[in-house]
N, C-alpha and C. Protein backbone atom coordinates (compact mmCIF):
# COMPACT_ATOMS: atom_id res chain seq x y z
N MET A 1 0.81 -1.18 0.00
CA MET A 1 0.00 0.00 0.00
C MET A 1 0.86 1.25 0.00
N SER A 2 2.15 1.12 0.20
CA SER A 2 3.01 2.30 0.26
C SER A 2 3.20 2.96 -1.10
N ALA A 3 3.01 2.19 -2.21
CA ALA A 3 3.22 2.76 -3.53
C ALA A 3 2.06 3.62 -4.00
N GLY A 4 0.90 3.42 -3.43
CA GLY A 4 -0.29 4.15 -3.89
C GLY A 4 -0.62 5.33 -3.02
N ASN A 5 -1.67 6.03 -3.44
CA ASN A 5 -2.16 7.14 -2.64
C ASN A 5 -3.15 6.62 -1.62
N GLN A 6 -2.94 7.03 -0.40
CA GLN A 6 -3.84 6.60 0.66
C GLN A 6 -5.05 7.51 0.69
N GLY A 7 -6.22 6.89 0.63
CA GLY A 7 -7.46 7.65 0.59
C GLY A 7 -8.02 7.85 1.98
N PRO A 8 -9.30 8.16 2.03
CA PRO A 8 -9.94 8.46 3.30
C PRO A 8 -10.14 7.22 4.16
N LEU A 9 -10.26 7.45 5.43
CA LEU A 9 -10.59 6.40 6.38
C LEU A 9 -12.10 6.23 6.35
N VAL A 10 -12.54 5.00 6.16
CA VAL A 10 -13.96 4.70 6.10
C VAL A 10 -14.31 3.87 7.32
N ILE A 11 -15.32 4.27 8.06
CA ILE A 11 -15.74 3.54 9.25
C ILE A 11 -17.02 2.80 8.93
N ASP A 12 -16.97 1.48 9.08
CA ASP A 12 -18.13 0.64 8.81
C ASP A 12 -18.96 0.55 10.08
N ARG A 13 -20.11 1.15 10.07
CA ARG A 13 -21.00 1.12 11.22
C ARG A 13 -22.28 0.35 10.90
N SER A 14 -22.17 -0.58 9.96
CA SER A 14 -23.37 -1.34 9.58
C SER A 14 -23.74 -2.27 10.72
N GLN A 15 -24.82 -1.97 11.34
CA GLN A 15 -25.34 -2.72 12.46
C GLN A 15 -26.82 -2.98 12.21
N PRO A 16 -27.38 -3.96 12.90
CA PRO A 16 -28.84 -4.13 12.79
C PRO A 16 -29.54 -2.86 13.28
N GLY A 17 -30.71 -2.62 12.76
CA GLY A 17 -31.47 -1.44 13.16
C GLY A 17 -31.85 -1.48 14.63
N CYS A 18 -32.24 -0.33 15.13
CA CYS A 18 -32.61 -0.18 16.54
C CYS A 18 -33.78 -1.10 16.90
N LEU A 19 -34.75 -1.21 16.02
CA LEU A 19 -35.91 -2.06 16.29
C LEU A 19 -35.52 -3.53 16.38
N ILE A 20 -34.68 -3.99 15.45
CA ILE A 20 -34.21 -5.38 15.46
C ILE A 20 -33.41 -5.64 16.74
N SER A 21 -32.52 -4.74 17.09
CA SER A 21 -31.72 -4.90 18.31
C SER A 21 -32.61 -4.93 19.55
N ALA A 22 -33.61 -4.08 19.58
CA ALA A 22 -34.51 -4.04 20.73
C ALA A 22 -35.32 -5.33 20.85
N ILE A 23 -35.85 -5.80 19.73
CA ILE A 23 -36.61 -7.05 19.76
C ILE A 23 -35.73 -8.22 20.19
N TRP A 24 -34.50 -8.27 19.62
CA TRP A 24 -33.56 -9.32 20.00
C TRP A 24 -33.27 -9.26 21.50
N PHE A 25 -32.98 -8.04 22.00
CA PHE A 25 -32.65 -7.91 23.40
C PHE A 25 -33.81 -8.34 24.30
N ILE A 26 -35.01 -7.92 23.98
CA ILE A 26 -36.16 -8.22 24.83
C ILE A 26 -36.44 -9.72 24.88
N PHE A 27 -36.40 -10.38 23.72
CA PHE A 27 -36.80 -11.79 23.68
C PHE A 27 -35.65 -12.78 23.84
N VAL A 28 -34.42 -12.39 23.51
CA VAL A 28 -33.31 -13.33 23.56
C VAL A 28 -32.12 -12.78 24.34
N GLY A 29 -31.66 -11.60 23.96
CA GLY A 29 -30.43 -11.05 24.49
C GLY A 29 -30.40 -10.85 25.98
N SER A 30 -31.53 -10.50 26.58
CA SER A 30 -31.54 -10.22 28.03
C SER A 30 -31.20 -11.46 28.84
N TRP A 31 -31.84 -12.56 28.57
CA TRP A 31 -31.56 -13.78 29.36
C TRP A 31 -30.33 -14.52 28.86
N LEU A 32 -30.09 -14.52 27.53
CA LEU A 32 -28.92 -15.22 27.00
C LEU A 32 -27.62 -14.56 27.46
N SER A 33 -27.61 -13.24 27.52
CA SER A 33 -26.40 -12.54 27.96
C SER A 33 -26.06 -12.86 29.41
N LEU A 34 -27.05 -13.05 30.26
CA LEU A 34 -26.78 -13.42 31.65
C LEU A 34 -26.10 -14.78 31.72
N PHE A 35 -26.64 -15.77 31.02
CA PHE A 35 -26.02 -17.09 31.00
C PHE A 35 -24.63 -17.03 30.39
N TRP A 36 -24.48 -16.26 29.32
CA TRP A 36 -23.20 -16.11 28.64
C TRP A 36 -22.15 -15.53 29.60
N ILE A 37 -22.53 -14.49 30.34
CA ILE A 37 -21.62 -13.85 31.29
C ILE A 37 -21.22 -14.83 32.40
N LEU A 38 -22.17 -15.55 32.95
CA LEU A 38 -21.87 -16.49 34.03
C LEU A 38 -20.96 -17.62 33.56
N ILE A 39 -21.19 -18.13 32.37
CA ILE A 39 -20.31 -19.17 31.82
C ILE A 39 -18.92 -18.60 31.57
N ALA A 40 -18.85 -17.40 31.03
CA ALA A 40 -17.55 -16.76 30.77
C ALA A 40 -16.76 -16.60 32.06
N TRP A 41 -17.42 -16.17 33.12
CA TRP A 41 -16.70 -15.99 34.39
C TRP A 41 -16.28 -17.32 34.99
N ALA A 42 -17.07 -18.35 34.82
CA ALA A 42 -16.66 -19.68 35.29
C ALA A 42 -15.40 -20.13 34.54
N LEU A 43 -15.34 -19.85 33.26
CA LEU A 43 -14.16 -20.22 32.47
C LEU A 43 -12.94 -19.40 32.86
N ILE A 44 -13.14 -18.13 33.20
CA ILE A 44 -12.01 -17.29 33.62
C ILE A 44 -11.44 -17.79 34.95
N VAL A 45 -12.30 -18.18 35.86
CA VAL A 45 -11.85 -18.64 37.18
C VAL A 45 -11.03 -19.93 37.07
N LEU A 46 -11.32 -20.76 36.08
CA LEU A 46 -10.61 -22.03 35.93
C LEU A 46 -9.19 -21.87 35.39
N ILE A 47 -8.74 -20.68 35.13
CA ILE A 47 -7.41 -20.30 34.67
C ILE A 47 -7.06 -20.93 33.31
N ILE A 48 -7.10 -22.23 33.18
CA ILE A 48 -6.72 -22.89 31.93
C ILE A 48 -7.66 -22.46 30.80
N THR A 49 -8.90 -22.26 31.10
CA THR A 49 -9.89 -21.87 30.09
C THR A 49 -10.09 -20.36 30.03
N MET A 50 -9.20 -19.60 30.67
CA MET A 50 -9.32 -18.15 30.71
C MET A 50 -9.42 -17.51 29.33
N PRO A 51 -8.62 -17.91 28.33
CA PRO A 51 -8.76 -17.28 27.01
C PRO A 51 -10.16 -17.43 26.41
N ILE A 52 -10.78 -18.58 26.64
CA ILE A 52 -12.13 -18.79 26.13
C ILE A 52 -13.11 -17.86 26.86
N GLY A 53 -12.96 -17.75 28.18
CA GLY A 53 -13.82 -16.86 28.96
C GLY A 53 -13.67 -15.40 28.55
N LEU A 54 -12.43 -14.97 28.31
CA LEU A 54 -12.20 -13.59 27.87
C LEU A 54 -12.81 -13.35 26.50
N ALA A 55 -12.65 -14.32 25.61
CA ALA A 55 -13.26 -14.19 24.27
C ALA A 55 -14.78 -14.09 24.39
N MET A 56 -15.35 -14.86 25.31
CA MET A 56 -16.80 -14.79 25.51
C MET A 56 -17.22 -13.43 26.06
N LEU A 57 -16.46 -12.89 27.02
CA LEU A 57 -16.79 -11.57 27.56
C LEU A 57 -16.73 -10.50 26.48
N HIS A 58 -15.78 -10.64 25.56
CA HIS A 58 -15.66 -9.66 24.48
C HIS A 58 -16.82 -9.73 23.51
N ARG A 59 -17.58 -10.81 23.56
CA ARG A 59 -18.72 -10.96 22.66
C ARG A 59 -20.06 -10.67 23.33
N VAL A 60 -20.05 -10.19 24.56
CA VAL A 60 -21.30 -9.85 25.25
C VAL A 60 -22.12 -8.82 24.47
N PRO A 61 -21.52 -7.76 23.90
CA PRO A 61 -22.35 -6.82 23.13
C PRO A 61 -23.08 -7.50 21.96
N LEU A 62 -22.43 -8.46 21.32
CA LEU A 62 -23.06 -9.18 20.22
C LEU A 62 -24.20 -10.05 20.73
N ILE A 63 -23.98 -10.75 21.83
CA ILE A 63 -25.00 -11.63 22.39
C ILE A 63 -26.19 -10.82 22.91
N ALA A 64 -25.93 -9.71 23.56
CA ALA A 64 -27.00 -8.93 24.18
C ALA A 64 -27.82 -8.13 23.17
N SER A 65 -27.14 -7.48 22.22
CA SER A 65 -27.88 -6.55 21.35
C SER A 65 -27.50 -6.65 19.88
N LEU A 66 -26.81 -7.72 19.50
CA LEU A 66 -26.38 -7.92 18.11
C LEU A 66 -25.41 -6.84 17.64
N ARG A 67 -24.73 -6.18 18.57
CA ARG A 67 -23.80 -5.11 18.21
C ARG A 67 -22.42 -5.69 17.92
N GLN A 68 -21.94 -5.43 16.71
CA GLN A 68 -20.62 -5.88 16.28
C GLN A 68 -19.61 -4.77 16.54
N PRO A 69 -18.33 -5.12 16.67
CA PRO A 69 -17.32 -4.07 16.78
C PRO A 69 -17.30 -3.21 15.52
N THR A 70 -17.03 -1.93 15.69
CA THR A 70 -16.91 -1.03 14.56
C THR A 70 -15.62 -1.38 13.81
N ARG A 71 -15.70 -1.40 12.49
CA ARG A 71 -14.53 -1.72 11.69
C ARG A 71 -14.11 -0.48 10.91
N ASP A 72 -12.81 -0.23 10.87
CA ASP A 72 -12.27 0.89 10.12
C ASP A 72 -11.57 0.36 8.88
N TYR A 73 -11.74 1.04 7.77
CA TYR A 73 -11.10 0.67 6.52
C TYR A 73 -10.40 1.88 5.92
N VAL A 74 -9.32 1.63 5.21
CA VAL A 74 -8.64 2.67 4.45
C VAL A 74 -8.77 2.32 2.98
N VAL A 75 -9.21 3.30 2.21
CA VAL A 75 -9.34 3.12 0.77
C VAL A 75 -8.11 3.74 0.12
N ALA A 76 -7.40 2.94 -0.67
CA ALA A 76 -6.18 3.42 -1.31
C ALA A 76 -6.20 3.04 -2.78
N THR A 77 -5.46 3.78 -3.57
CA THR A 77 -5.34 3.45 -4.98
C THR A 77 -3.91 3.02 -5.26
N GLN A 78 -3.79 1.96 -6.05
CA GLN A 78 -2.48 1.48 -6.50
C GLN A 78 -2.56 1.39 -8.01
N GLY A 79 -2.05 2.41 -8.66
CA GLY A 79 -2.17 2.47 -10.12
C GLY A 79 -3.62 2.68 -10.49
N THR A 80 -4.19 1.71 -11.20
CA THR A 80 -5.60 1.81 -11.59
C THR A 80 -6.51 1.03 -10.65
N ALA A 81 -5.94 0.32 -9.70
CA ALA A 81 -6.73 -0.51 -8.78
C ALA A 81 -7.03 0.24 -7.50
N THR A 82 -8.19 -0.03 -6.97
CA THR A 82 -8.57 0.51 -5.67
C THR A 82 -8.48 -0.61 -4.65
N VAL A 83 -7.78 -0.36 -3.56
CA VAL A 83 -7.56 -1.37 -2.53
C VAL A 83 -8.25 -0.91 -1.25
N ILE A 84 -9.00 -1.81 -0.65
CA ILE A 84 -9.65 -1.52 0.63
C ILE A 84 -9.05 -2.44 1.66
N GLN A 85 -8.46 -1.87 2.70
CA GLN A 85 -7.83 -2.66 3.75
C GLN A 85 -8.44 -2.32 5.10
N GLN A 86 -8.69 -3.36 5.88
CA GLN A 86 -9.20 -3.14 7.23
C GLN A 86 -8.05 -2.68 8.11
N VAL A 87 -8.31 -1.67 8.90
CA VAL A 87 -7.32 -1.11 9.81
C VAL A 87 -7.71 -1.53 11.22
N SER A 88 -6.78 -2.14 11.92
CA SER A 88 -7.09 -2.52 13.30
C SER A 88 -6.85 -1.33 14.22
N ARG A 89 -7.64 -1.26 15.25
CA ARG A 89 -7.49 -0.15 16.20
C ARG A 89 -6.19 -0.32 16.97
N GLN A 90 -5.53 0.80 17.20
CA GLN A 90 -4.28 0.79 17.95
C GLN A 90 -4.57 0.38 19.39
N GLN A 91 -3.96 -0.70 19.84
CA GLN A 91 -4.16 -1.19 21.20
C GLN A 91 -3.00 -0.77 22.09
N ARG A 92 -3.27 -0.73 23.37
CA ARG A 92 -2.21 -0.47 24.32
C ARG A 92 -1.25 -1.66 24.32
N PRO A 93 -0.02 -1.49 24.79
CA PRO A 93 0.92 -2.61 24.80
C PRO A 93 0.37 -3.80 25.61
N PHE A 94 0.69 -5.01 25.15
CA PHE A 94 0.18 -6.23 25.77
C PHE A 94 0.52 -6.28 27.26
N ILE A 95 1.72 -5.91 27.65
CA ILE A 95 2.14 -6.00 29.06
C ILE A 95 1.27 -5.10 29.94
N ILE A 96 0.94 -3.91 29.44
CA ILE A 96 0.07 -2.99 30.18
C ILE A 96 -1.31 -3.61 30.36
N ARG A 97 -1.84 -4.17 29.25
CA ARG A 97 -3.16 -4.78 29.31
C ARG A 97 -3.17 -6.00 30.23
N ALA A 98 -2.09 -6.79 30.21
CA ALA A 98 -2.00 -7.97 31.08
C ALA A 98 -1.93 -7.58 32.55
N ILE A 99 -1.12 -6.58 32.87
CA ILE A 99 -1.01 -6.11 34.26
C ILE A 99 -2.36 -5.55 34.72
N TYR A 100 -3.00 -4.75 33.87
CA TYR A 100 -4.31 -4.20 34.21
C TYR A 100 -5.30 -5.32 34.48
N PHE A 101 -5.34 -6.33 33.60
CA PHE A 101 -6.30 -7.43 33.76
C PHE A 101 -6.04 -8.16 35.08
N LEU A 102 -4.79 -8.48 35.39
CA LEU A 102 -4.47 -9.22 36.60
C LEU A 102 -4.73 -8.41 37.88
N ALA A 103 -4.47 -7.10 37.81
CA ALA A 103 -4.63 -6.27 39.00
C ALA A 103 -6.06 -5.76 39.19
N ILE A 104 -6.71 -5.39 38.11
CA ILE A 104 -8.00 -4.71 38.21
C ILE A 104 -9.08 -5.34 37.34
N GLY A 105 -8.76 -5.60 36.10
CA GLY A 105 -9.75 -5.96 35.09
C GLY A 105 -10.62 -7.15 35.42
N TRP A 106 -10.03 -8.21 35.96
CA TRP A 106 -10.81 -9.44 36.17
C TRP A 106 -11.89 -9.26 37.21
N TRP A 107 -11.61 -8.55 38.30
CA TRP A 107 -12.64 -8.39 39.33
C TRP A 107 -13.55 -7.18 39.06
N PHE A 108 -12.97 -6.09 38.54
CA PHE A 108 -13.78 -4.90 38.27
C PHE A 108 -14.80 -5.16 37.18
N SER A 109 -14.39 -5.89 36.15
CA SER A 109 -15.32 -6.17 35.06
C SER A 109 -16.45 -7.10 35.51
N PHE A 110 -16.21 -7.92 36.52
CA PHE A 110 -17.29 -8.75 37.04
C PHE A 110 -18.40 -7.87 37.61
N PHE A 111 -18.03 -6.89 38.44
CA PHE A 111 -19.02 -5.97 38.98
C PHE A 111 -19.67 -5.15 37.86
N TRP A 112 -18.85 -4.75 36.89
CA TRP A 112 -19.34 -3.96 35.76
C TRP A 112 -20.42 -4.71 34.99
N VAL A 113 -20.17 -5.99 34.66
CA VAL A 113 -21.15 -6.73 33.86
C VAL A 113 -22.41 -7.03 34.66
N ILE A 114 -22.27 -7.28 35.95
CA ILE A 114 -23.46 -7.54 36.77
C ILE A 114 -24.32 -6.27 36.86
N ILE A 115 -23.67 -5.14 37.11
CA ILE A 115 -24.41 -3.87 37.16
C ILE A 115 -25.03 -3.57 35.80
N ALA A 116 -24.28 -3.80 34.73
CA ALA A 116 -24.80 -3.56 33.38
C ALA A 116 -26.02 -4.42 33.12
N TRP A 117 -25.95 -5.68 33.50
CA TRP A 117 -27.08 -6.57 33.24
C TRP A 117 -28.31 -6.13 34.04
N PHE A 118 -28.13 -5.77 35.30
CA PHE A 118 -29.28 -5.34 36.10
C PHE A 118 -29.86 -4.01 35.63
N THR A 119 -29.02 -3.11 35.11
CA THR A 119 -29.57 -1.85 34.61
C THR A 119 -30.38 -2.06 33.34
N THR A 120 -30.05 -3.11 32.57
CA THR A 120 -30.86 -3.38 31.38
C THR A 120 -32.23 -3.94 31.76
N ALA A 121 -32.38 -4.41 32.98
CA ALA A 121 -33.67 -4.95 33.42
C ALA A 121 -34.68 -3.84 33.73
N THR A 122 -34.22 -2.60 33.85
CA THR A 122 -35.13 -1.49 34.11
C THR A 122 -35.30 -0.69 32.82
N LEU A 123 -36.48 -0.26 32.57
CA LEU A 123 -36.77 0.47 31.34
C LEU A 123 -36.05 1.82 31.32
N ILE A 124 -35.99 2.48 32.45
CA ILE A 124 -35.41 3.82 32.48
C ILE A 124 -33.88 3.78 32.35
N LEU A 125 -33.24 2.71 32.84
CA LEU A 125 -31.78 2.61 32.76
C LEU A 125 -31.29 1.72 31.62
N LEU A 126 -32.20 1.26 30.78
CA LEU A 126 -31.84 0.37 29.68
C LEU A 126 -30.74 0.95 28.78
N PRO A 127 -30.83 2.21 28.34
CA PRO A 127 -29.74 2.74 27.49
C PRO A 127 -28.39 2.72 28.20
N LEU A 128 -28.36 3.03 29.49
CA LEU A 128 -27.11 2.97 30.25
C LEU A 128 -26.58 1.54 30.30
N GLY A 129 -27.46 0.57 30.53
CA GLY A 129 -27.04 -0.83 30.59
C GLY A 129 -26.46 -1.32 29.28
N ILE A 130 -27.07 -0.95 28.17
CA ILE A 130 -26.54 -1.35 26.86
C ILE A 130 -25.21 -0.67 26.60
N TRP A 131 -25.10 0.60 26.97
CA TRP A 131 -23.81 1.30 26.84
C TRP A 131 -22.74 0.59 27.66
N MET A 132 -23.09 0.19 28.88
CA MET A 132 -22.12 -0.51 29.73
C MET A 132 -21.73 -1.86 29.13
N MET A 133 -22.69 -2.59 28.59
CA MET A 133 -22.37 -3.88 27.97
C MET A 133 -21.44 -3.72 26.78
N ASN A 134 -21.62 -2.64 26.04
CA ASN A 134 -20.74 -2.40 24.90
C ASN A 134 -19.33 -2.04 25.34
N ARG A 135 -19.13 -1.68 26.59
CA ARG A 135 -17.80 -1.30 27.10
C ARG A 135 -17.10 -2.44 27.86
N ILE A 136 -17.71 -3.61 27.92
CA ILE A 136 -17.11 -4.72 28.68
C ILE A 136 -15.70 -5.07 28.21
N PRO A 137 -15.41 -5.15 26.89
CA PRO A 137 -14.03 -5.45 26.49
C PRO A 137 -13.02 -4.43 27.02
N ALA A 138 -13.39 -3.16 27.00
CA ALA A 138 -12.47 -2.12 27.48
C ALA A 138 -12.28 -2.21 28.99
N VAL A 139 -13.34 -2.50 29.72
CA VAL A 139 -13.24 -2.58 31.17
C VAL A 139 -12.45 -3.81 31.60
N THR A 140 -12.57 -4.90 30.85
CA THR A 140 -11.89 -6.14 31.22
C THR A 140 -10.41 -6.10 30.90
N THR A 141 -10.05 -5.71 29.66
CA THR A 141 -8.65 -5.80 29.24
C THR A 141 -8.13 -4.54 28.57
N LEU A 142 -8.83 -3.43 28.70
CA LEU A 142 -8.46 -2.17 28.06
C LEU A 142 -8.46 -2.28 26.53
N GLU A 143 -9.18 -3.25 25.99
CA GLU A 143 -9.25 -3.40 24.54
C GLU A 143 -10.03 -2.24 23.94
N ARG A 144 -9.47 -1.66 22.90
CA ARG A 144 -10.18 -0.61 22.17
C ARG A 144 -11.11 -1.28 21.20
N TYR A 145 -12.38 -1.00 21.35
CA TYR A 145 -13.44 -1.73 20.65
C TYR A 145 -14.09 -0.86 19.64
């Protein structure tokens, strides 16, 4: 991509509509996310299965409200061809994220997800609960989502 002209950054925000997400959350996401969170935490506690549990926690927004991570793309031209490449978000160094997870992330995110789940059970705090669920990866491991 260095030989061509780098074009604009394109952010893919294609997500299911608000109505679809709401229907999913009401009928499936609310109860499925609770079971998903509890299983994820059981896997984290077992140490050996911790990577699976962390991967499950990072997918709570998808399970709860069908929300996918935002994807960034760069559009570039190389001669006469147009190239679209996905750009990964810049993450903090692994050692910082590991220290954070071991010192704070594993226990703080447990309280975070429980509070997030209970706030989604109330109509007035539902938007806050969904916002909190979408932040679980960042709270657990400082992952930029």
